[in-house]
Amino acid sequence: MYNFAPEYFFEAFRPILSCLKMTAVITLCSFALAFVLAIVLALLAMMKNHVVQAILKVWLSLFRGTPLIAQLFLFVYGVFPLLPGGSSLSLEAKAVLCLALSYSAFMAETIRGAIQSVDKGQMEACITCGMTTLQGYTHVVLPQAFRLAIPALANNFIECFKGSALCSMVGVKDMMLQAKMLANKSYRFMEVYLCVLLLYWVINMIFVAIQKVIEQKANAKY
């Protein structure tokens, strides 16, 4: 019978938390890049060009229909090193790029749906007032679409945070990899993995609380 050792459980917090910064950097950078890519993909998806539509359909299906762990191994060890300058990228940068590509596929559908939810008369009014299409999207359509997309985007952010733990599989020293190293060294798997699970859970709850505040402030303007 396994004897739970509280001292190992509490001792694990400090070394795992020392890697919190790396987990936060990977999450924030990958989400920010994914958000920018998702806007581009969403706008391209609304074009009526059949070639663009076909390419996007395959692209989105690839990232939405395959496991993130498989994407990480393929891009970090296979694709990125073959690209010009890719071999000089750090392991963390490669992981961020892969996460961004993966989650942008999900966020693109969220943003596209939010943009299409905005009344088409808004863009027509912008053009009537002398604004260009880009100005209309930037100043009128996208701000409204962003408010509508906040709940879904917040969920995407949380998924990105949890998905960042898979970066440990390709050697990124985040909280999850630190937990694996501690568990393998001490053989106290229950204590260490319970510790890292609780840390991810608490941080996740903080993100959920922030999400509610952002939603309330965004909705207060309308």
C-alpha atoms as a PDB file:
ATOM      1  CA  MET A   1       0.000   0.000   0.000  1.00  0.00           C
ATOM      2  CA  TYR A   2       1.308   3.446  -0.952  1.00  0.00           C
ATOM      3  CA  ASN A   3       2.196   5.685   1.994  1.00  0.00           C
ATOM      4  CA  PHE A   4       1.574   9.328   1.169  1.00  0.00           C
ATOM      5  CA  ALA A   5       4.429  11.513   2.455  1.00  0.00           C
ATOM      6  CA  PRO A   6       3.225  15.075   3.197  1.00  0.00           C
ATOM      7  CA  GLU A   7       6.806  16.376   3.498  1.00  0.00           C
ATOM      8  CA  TYR A   8       7.559  15.480  -0.136  1.00  0.00           C
ATOM      9  CA  PHE A   9       4.260  17.037  -1.199  1.00  0.00           C
ATOM     10  CA  PHE A  10       5.029  20.410   0.402  1.00  0.00           C
ATOM     11  CA  GLU A  11       8.688  20.354  -0.634  1.00  0.00           C
ATOM     12  CA  ALA A  12       7.669  19.975  -4.277  1.00  0.00           C
ATOM     13  CA  PHE A  13       5.925  23.353  -4.446  1.00  0.00           C
ATOM     14  CA  ARG A  14       9.043  25.533  -4.442  1.00  0.00           C
ATOM     15  CA  PRO A  15      10.972  23.883  -7.326  1.00  0.00           C
ATOM     16  CA  ILE A  16       7.824  23.534  -9.434  1.00  0.00           C
ATOM     17  CA  LEU A  17       6.828  27.158  -8.841  1.00  0.00           C
ATOM     18  CA  SER A  18      10.321  28.219  -9.898  1.00  0.00           C
ATOM     19  CA  CYS A  19       9.305  27.189 -13.432  1.00  0.00           C
ATOM     20  CA  LEU A  20       6.020  29.096 -13.352  1.00  0.00           C
ATOM     21  CA  LYS A  21       7.620  31.987 -15.256  1.00  0.00           C
ATOM     22  CA  MET A  22       8.432  29.729 -18.216  1.00  0.00           C
ATOM     23  CA  THR A  23       4.899  28.324 -18.256  1.00  0.00           C
ATOM     24  CA  ALA A  24       3.466  31.859 -18.147  1.00  0.00           C
ATOM     25  CA  VAL A  25       5.755  33.129 -20.922  1.00  0.00           C
ATOM     26  CA  ILE A  26       4.903  30.207 -23.211  1.00  0.00           C
ATOM     27  CA  THR A  27       1.171  30.613 -22.553  1.00  0.00           C
ATOM     28  CA  LEU A  28       1.053  34.388 -23.050  1.00  0.00           C
ATOM     29  CA  CYS A  29       3.329  34.477 -26.100  1.00  0.00           C
ATOM     30  CA  SER A  30       1.632  31.582 -27.870  1.00  0.00           C
ATOM     31  CA  PHE A  31      -1.848  32.971 -27.175  1.00  0.00           C
ATOM     32  CA  ALA A  32      -0.928  36.485 -28.356  1.00  0.00           C
ATOM     33  CA  LEU A  33       0.582  35.142 -31.571  1.00  0.00           C
ATOM     34  CA  ALA A  34      -2.340  32.755 -32.067  1.00  0.00           C
ATOM     35  CA  PHE A  35      -4.774  35.654 -31.651  1.00  0.00           C
ATOM     36  CA  VAL A  36      -3.077  37.671 -34.404  1.00  0.00           C
ATOM     37  CA  LEU A  37      -2.933  34.648 -36.713  1.00  0.00           C
ATOM     38  CA  ALA A  38      -6.565  33.827 -35.947  1.00  0.00           C
ATOM     39  CA  ILE A  39      -7.717  37.296 -37.043  1.00  0.00           C
ATOM     40  CA  VAL A  40      -5.858  36.876 -40.341  1.00  0.00           C
ATOM     41  CA  LEU A  41      -7.274  33.384 -40.840  1.00  0.00           C
ATOM     42  CA  ALA A  42     -10.793  34.556 -39.972  1.00  0.00           C
ATOM     43  CA  LEU A  43     -10.645  37.383 -42.508  1.00  0.00           C
ATOM     44  CA  LEU A  44      -9.263  35.023 -45.156  1.00  0.00           C
ATOM     45  CA  ALA A  45     -12.038  32.538 -44.395  1.00  0.00           C
ATOM     46  CA  MET A  46     -14.600  35.224 -45.220  1.00  0.00           C
ATOM     47  CA  MET A  47     -13.142  35.757 -48.693  1.00  0.00           C
ATOM     48  CA  LYS A  48     -15.004  34.288 -51.658  1.00  0.00           C
ATOM     49  CA  ASN A  49     -11.872  32.993 -53.355  1.00  0.00           C
ATOM     50  CA  HIS A  50     -12.303  29.232 -53.817  1.00  0.00           C
ATOM     51  CA  VAL A  51      -8.562  28.524 -53.794  1.00  0.00           C
ATOM     52  CA  VAL A  52      -8.090  30.351 -50.489  1.00  0.00           C
ATOM     53  CA  GLN A  53     -11.124  28.580 -49.049  1.00  0.00           C
ATOM     54  CA  ALA A  54      -9.762  25.153 -50.058  1.00  0.00           C
ATOM     55  CA  ILE A  55      -6.314  25.826 -48.583  1.00  0.00           C
ATOM     56  CA  LEU A  56      -7.806  27.150 -45.338  1.00  0.00           C
ATOM     57  CA  LYS A  57     -10.117  24.172 -45.050  1.00  0.00           C
ATOM     58  CA  VAL A  58      -7.175  21.769 -45.178  1.00  0.00           C
ATOM     59  CA  TRP A  59      -5.034  23.960 -42.898  1.00  0.00           C
ATOM     60  CA  LEU A  60      -7.705  24.297 -40.198  1.00  0.00           C
ATOM     61  CA  SER A  61      -8.653  20.631 -40.434  1.00  0.00           C
ATOM     62  CA  LEU A  62      -5.019  19.608 -39.971  1.00  0.00           C
ATOM     63  CA  PHE A  63      -4.515  21.502 -36.726  1.00  0.00           C
ATOM     64  CA  ARG A  64      -7.986  20.908 -35.333  1.00  0.00           C
ATOM     65  CA  GLY A  65      -8.045  17.215 -36.170  1.00  0.00           C
ATOM     66  CA  THR A  66      -4.639  16.058 -34.904  1.00  0.00           C
ATOM     67  CA  PRO A  67      -3.217  15.760 -31.352  1.00  0.00           C
ATOM     68  CA  LEU A  68      -1.185  18.698 -30.111  1.00  0.00           C
ATOM     69  CA  ILE A  69       1.572  16.389 -28.888  1.00  0.00           C
ATOM     70  CA  ALA A  70       2.008  14.994 -32.420  1.00  0.00           C
ATOM     71  CA  GLN A  71       2.140  18.547 -33.811  1.00  0.00           C
ATOM     72  CA  LEU A  72       4.820  19.504 -31.285  1.00  0.00           C
ATOM     73  CA  PHE A  73       7.074  16.598 -32.215  1.00  0.00           C
ATOM     74  CA  LEU A  74       6.558  17.171 -35.948  1.00  0.00           C
ATOM     75  CA  PHE A  75       7.173  20.919 -35.968  1.00  0.00           C
ATOM     76  CA  VAL A  76       9.798  21.211 -33.221  1.00  0.00           C
ATOM     77  CA  TYR A  77      11.979  18.352 -34.422  1.00  0.00           C
ATOM     78  CA  GLY A  78      10.941  18.049 -38.060  1.00  0.00           C
ATOM     79  CA  VAL A  79       9.567  21.163 -39.765  1.00  0.00           C
ATOM     80  CA  PHE A  80      11.130  24.150 -37.990  1.00  0.00           C
ATOM     81  CA  PRO A  81      14.770  22.959 -38.256  1.00  0.00           C
ATOM     82  CA  LEU A  82      14.316  22.701 -42.041  1.00  0.00           C
ATOM     83  CA  LEU A  83      13.098  26.293 -42.433  1.00  0.00           C
ATOM     84  CA  PRO A  84      15.567  29.160 -43.053  1.00  0.00           C
ATOM     85  CA  GLY A  85      16.788  30.274 -39.636  1.00  0.00           C
ATOM     86  CA  GLY A  86      14.677  27.639 -37.941  1.00  0.00           C
ATOM     87  CA  SER A  87      17.637  25.724 -36.533  1.00  0.00           C
ATOM     88  CA  SER A  88      18.778  28.826 -34.653  1.00  0.00           C
ATOM     89  CA  LEU A  89      15.465  29.168 -32.821  1.00  0.00           C
ATOM     90  CA  SER A  90      15.416  28.162 -29.186  1.00  0.00           C
ATOM     91  CA  LEU A  91      13.374  25.170 -28.082  1.00  0.00           C
ATOM     92  CA  GLU A  92      10.980  27.501 -26.263  1.00  0.00           C
ATOM     93  CA  ALA A  93      10.453  29.641 -29.386  1.00  0.00           C
ATOM     94  CA  LYS A  94       9.677  26.552 -31.460  1.00  0.00           C
ATOM     95  CA  ALA A  95       7.164  25.389 -28.851  1.00  0.00           C
ATOM     96  CA  VAL A  96       5.500  28.822 -28.819  1.00  0.00           C
ATOM     97  CA  LEU A  97       5.206  28.848 -32.620  1.00  0.00           C
ATOM     98  CA  CYS A  98       3.693  25.383 -32.671  1.00  0.00           C
ATOM     99  CA  LEU A  99       1.152  26.228 -29.966  1.00  0.00           C
ATOM    100  CA  ALA A 100       0.264  29.437 -31.803  1.00  0.00           C
ATOM    101  CA  LEU A 101      -0.318  27.601 -35.078  1.00  0.00           C
ATOM    102  CA  SER A 102      -2.443  24.984 -33.355  1.00  0.00           C
ATOM    103  CA  TYR A 103      -4.663  27.256 -31.267  1.00  0.00           C
ATOM    104  CA  SER A 104      -5.052  29.856 -34.013  1.00  0.00           C
ATOM    105  CA  ALA A 105      -7.016  27.226 -35.953  1.00  0.00           C
ATOM    106  CA  PHE A 106      -9.561  27.026 -33.145  1.00  0.00           C
ATOM    107  CA  MET A 107      -9.605  30.755 -32.433  1.00  0.00           C
ATOM    108  CA  ALA A 108     -10.089  31.596 -36.123  1.00  0.00           C
ATOM    109  CA  GLU A 109     -13.524  29.966 -36.110  1.00  0.00           C
ATOM    110  CA  THR A 110     -14.413  31.838 -32.929  1.00  0.00           C
ATOM    111  CA  ILE A 111     -13.386  35.194 -34.391  1.00  0.00           C
ATOM    112  CA  ARG A 112     -15.033  34.499 -37.762  1.00  0.00           C
ATOM    113  CA  GLY A 113     -18.315  33.700 -36.052  1.00  0.00           C
ATOM    114  CA  ALA A 114     -18.063  36.828 -33.915  1.00  0.00           C
ATOM    115  CA  ILE A 115     -17.352  39.030 -36.953  1.00  0.00           C
ATOM    116  CA  GLN A 116     -20.302  37.582 -38.819  1.00  0.00           C
ATOM    117  CA  SER A 117     -22.495  38.245 -35.776  1.00  0.00           C
ATOM    118  CA  VAL A 118     -21.906  41.985 -36.161  1.00  0.00           C
ATOM    119  CA  ASP A 119     -24.625  43.616 -38.233  1.00  0.00           C
ATOM    120  CA  LYS A 120     -23.488  44.049 -41.848  1.00  0.00           C
ATOM    121  CA  GLY A 121     -24.981  47.530 -41.749  1.00  0.00           C
ATOM    122  CA  GLN A 122     -22.076  48.567 -39.525  1.00  0.00           C
ATOM    123  CA  MET A 123     -19.568  48.086 -42.343  1.00  0.00           C
ATOM    124  CA  GLU A 124     -21.892  49.702 -44.871  1.00  0.00           C
ATOM    125  CA  ALA A 125     -22.179  52.739 -42.602  1.00  0.00           C
ATOM    126  CA  CYS A 126     -18.378  52.911 -42.306  1.00  0.00           C
ATOM    127  CA  ILE A 127     -17.945  52.908 -46.083  1.00  0.00           C
ATOM    128  CA  THR A 128     -20.680  55.519 -46.442  1.00  0.00           C
ATOM    129  CA  CYS A 129     -18.793  57.753 -44.001  1.00  0.00           C
ATOM    130  CA  GLY A 130     -15.695  57.524 -46.187  1.00  0.00           C
ATOM    131  CA  MET A 131     -13.786  54.894 -44.234  1.00  0.00           C
ATOM    132  CA  THR A 132     -11.870  52.129 -45.987  1.00  0.00           C
ATOM    133  CA  THR A 133     -12.722  48.484 -45.411  1.00  0.00           C
ATOM    134  CA  LEU A 134      -9.616  48.082 -43.232  1.00  0.00           C
ATOM    135  CA  GLN A 135     -10.560  51.112 -41.141  1.00  0.00           C
ATOM    136  CA  GLY A 136     -14.095  49.794 -40.806  1.00  0.00           C
ATOM    137  CA  TYR A 137     -12.853  46.470 -39.496  1.00  0.00           C
ATOM    138  CA  THR A 138     -10.244  48.034 -37.225  1.00  0.00           C
ATOM    139  CA  HIS A 139     -12.359  50.760 -35.618  1.00  0.00           C
ATOM    140  CA  VAL A 140     -15.902  49.389 -35.736  1.00  0.00           C
ATOM    141  CA  VAL A 141     -16.368  45.708 -36.578  1.00  0.00           C
ATOM    142  CA  LEU A 142     -13.485  44.042 -34.734  1.00  0.00           C
ATOM    143  CA  PRO A 143     -14.041  45.858 -31.398  1.00  0.00           C
ATOM    144  CA  GLN A 144     -17.663  44.686 -31.390  1.00  0.00           C
ATOM    145  CA  ALA A 145     -16.684  41.195 -32.500  1.00  0.00           C
ATOM    146  CA  PHE A 146     -14.052  41.016 -29.774  1.00  0.00           C
ATOM    147  CA  ARG A 147     -16.674  41.691 -27.097  1.00  0.00           C
ATOM    148  CA  LEU A 148     -18.824  38.877 -28.456  1.00  0.00           C
ATOM    149  CA  ALA A 149     -15.860  36.522 -28.627  1.00  0.00           C
ATOM    150  CA  ILE A 150     -14.501  37.159 -25.115  1.00  0.00           C
ATOM    151  CA  PRO A 151     -16.046  34.027 -23.478  1.00  0.00           C
ATOM    152  CA  ALA A 152     -14.819  31.704 -26.230  1.00  0.00           C
ATOM    153  CA  LEU A 153     -11.395  33.380 -26.434  1.00  0.00           C
ATOM    154  CA  ALA A 154     -11.022  33.099 -22.659  1.00  0.00           C
ATOM    155  CA  ASN A 155     -11.689  29.382 -22.951  1.00  0.00           C
ATOM    156  CA  ASN A 156      -9.082  29.208 -25.717  1.00  0.00           C
ATOM    157  CA  PHE A 157      -6.599  30.939 -23.408  1.00  0.00           C
ATOM    158  CA  ILE A 158      -7.261  28.407 -20.659  1.00  0.00           C
ATOM    159  CA  GLU A 159      -6.849  25.552 -23.133  1.00  0.00           C
ATOM    160  CA  CYS A 160      -3.577  27.130 -24.267  1.00  0.00           C
ATOM    161  CA  PHE A 161      -2.408  27.307 -20.659  1.00  0.00           C
ATOM    162  CA  LYS A 162      -3.211  23.649 -20.063  1.00  0.00           C
ATOM    163  CA  GLY A 163      -1.791  22.656 -23.444  1.00  0.00           C
ATOM    164  CA  SER A 164       1.510  24.336 -22.581  1.00  0.00           C
ATOM    165  CA  ALA A 165       2.179  21.415 -20.228  1.00  0.00           C
ATOM    166  CA  LEU A 166       2.739  19.237 -23.303  1.00  0.00           C
ATOM    167  CA  CYS A 167       5.785  21.352 -24.175  1.00  0.00           C
ATOM    168  CA  SER A 168       7.589  19.388 -21.486  1.00  0.00           C
ATOM    169  CA  MET A 169       7.465  16.399 -23.846  1.00  0.00           C
ATOM    170  CA  VAL A 170       9.842  18.172 -26.241  1.00  0.00           C
ATOM    171  CA  GLY A 171      12.211  19.323 -23.515  1.00  0.00           C
ATOM    172  CA  VAL A 172      10.892  22.740 -22.468  1.00  0.00           C
ATOM    173  CA  LYS A 173      11.570  23.149 -18.754  1.00  0.00           C
ATOM    174  CA  ASP A 174       8.199  24.305 -17.525  1.00  0.00           C
ATOM    175  CA  MET A 175       6.276  23.312 -14.409  1.00  0.00           C
ATOM    176  CA  MET A 176       5.339  19.925 -15.845  1.00  0.00           C
ATOM    177  CA  LEU A 177       8.883  18.956 -16.793  1.00  0.00           C
ATOM    178  CA  GLN A 178      10.138  20.056 -13.383  1.00  0.00           C
ATOM    179  CA  ALA A 179       7.481  17.848 -11.771  1.00  0.00           C
ATOM    180  CA  LYS A 180       8.576  14.879 -13.898  1.00  0.00           C
ATOM    181  CA  MET A 181      12.201  15.395 -12.903  1.00  0.00           C
ATOM    182  CA  LEU A 182      11.300  15.580  -9.211  1.00  0.00           C
ATOM    183  CA  ALA A 183       9.115  12.485  -9.410  1.00  0.00           C
ATOM    184  CA  ASN A 184      11.751  10.465 -11.242  1.00  0.00           C
ATOM    185  CA  LYS A 185      14.394  11.524  -8.728  1.00  0.00           C
ATOM    186  CA  SER A 186      12.414  10.872  -5.545  1.00  0.00           C
ATOM    187  CA  TYR A 187       9.994   8.181  -6.787  1.00  0.00           C
ATOM    188  CA  ARG A 188       7.253  10.080  -4.917  1.00  0.00           C
ATOM    189  CA  PHE A 189       4.931  10.232  -7.916  1.00  0.00           C
ATOM    190  CA  MET A 190       1.681  10.748  -5.989  1.00  0.00           C
ATOM    191  CA  GLU A 191       2.998  13.701  -3.985  1.00  0.00           C
ATOM    192  CA  VAL A 192       4.721  15.484  -6.868  1.00  0.00           C
ATOM    193  CA  TYR A 193       1.976  15.080  -9.466  1.00  0.00           C
ATOM    194  CA  LEU A 194      -0.707  16.043  -6.956  1.00  0.00           C
ATOM    195  CA  CYS A 195       1.304  19.191  -6.273  1.00  0.00           C
ATOM    196  CA  VAL A 196       1.599  20.176  -9.929  1.00  0.00           C
ATOM    197  CA  LEU A 197      -2.067  19.310 -10.551  1.00  0.00           C
ATOM    198  CA  LEU A 198      -3.180  21.623  -7.742  1.00  0.00           C
ATOM    199  CA  LEU A 199      -0.955  24.406  -9.033  1.00  0.00           C
ATOM    200  CA  TYR A 200      -2.435  24.184 -12.529  1.00  0.00           C
ATOM    201  CA  TRP A 201      -5.921  24.083 -11.005  1.00  0.00           C
ATOM    202  CA  VAL A 202      -5.392  27.160  -8.811  1.00  0.00           C
ATOM    203  CA  ILE A 203      -3.869  29.153 -11.673  1.00  0.00           C
ATOM    204  CA  ASN A 204      -6.751  28.095 -13.885  1.00  0.00           C
ATOM    205  CA  MET A 205      -9.250  29.361 -11.308  1.00  0.00           C
ATOM    206  CA  ILE A 206      -7.429  32.708 -11.266  1.00  0.00           C
ATOM    207  CA  PHE A 207      -7.780  32.930 -15.049  1.00  0.00           C
ATOM    208  CA  VAL A 208     -11.496  32.145 -14.775  1.00  0.00           C
ATOM    209  CA  ALA A 209     -11.946  34.959 -12.231  1.00  0.00           C
ATOM    210  CA  ILE A 210     -10.090  37.384 -14.511  1.00  0.00           C
ATOM    211  CA  GLN A 211     -12.271  36.274 -17.417  1.00  0.00           C
ATOM    212  CA  LYS A 212     -15.439  37.180 -15.517  1.00  0.00           C
ATOM    213  CA  VAL A 213     -14.079  40.637 -14.688  1.00  0.00           C
ATOM    214  CA  ILE A 214     -13.153  41.277 -18.338  1.00  0.00           C
ATOM    215  CA  GLU A 215     -16.594  40.150 -19.506  1.00  0.00           C
ATOM    216  CA  GLN A 216     -18.329  42.443 -17.023  1.00  0.00           C
ATOM    217  CA  LYS A 217     -16.256  45.468 -18.038  1.00  0.00           C
ATOM    218  CA  ALA A 218     -16.723  44.758 -21.751  1.00  0.00           C
ATOM    219  CA  ASN A 219     -20.486  44.332 -21.410  1.00  0.00           C
ATOM    220  CA  ALA A 220     -20.798  47.434 -19.224  1.00  0.00           C
ATOM    221  CA  LYS A 221     -20.079  49.617 -22.280  1.00  0.00           C
ATOM    222  CA  TYR A 222     -23.151  48.318 -24.125  1.00  0.00           C
END
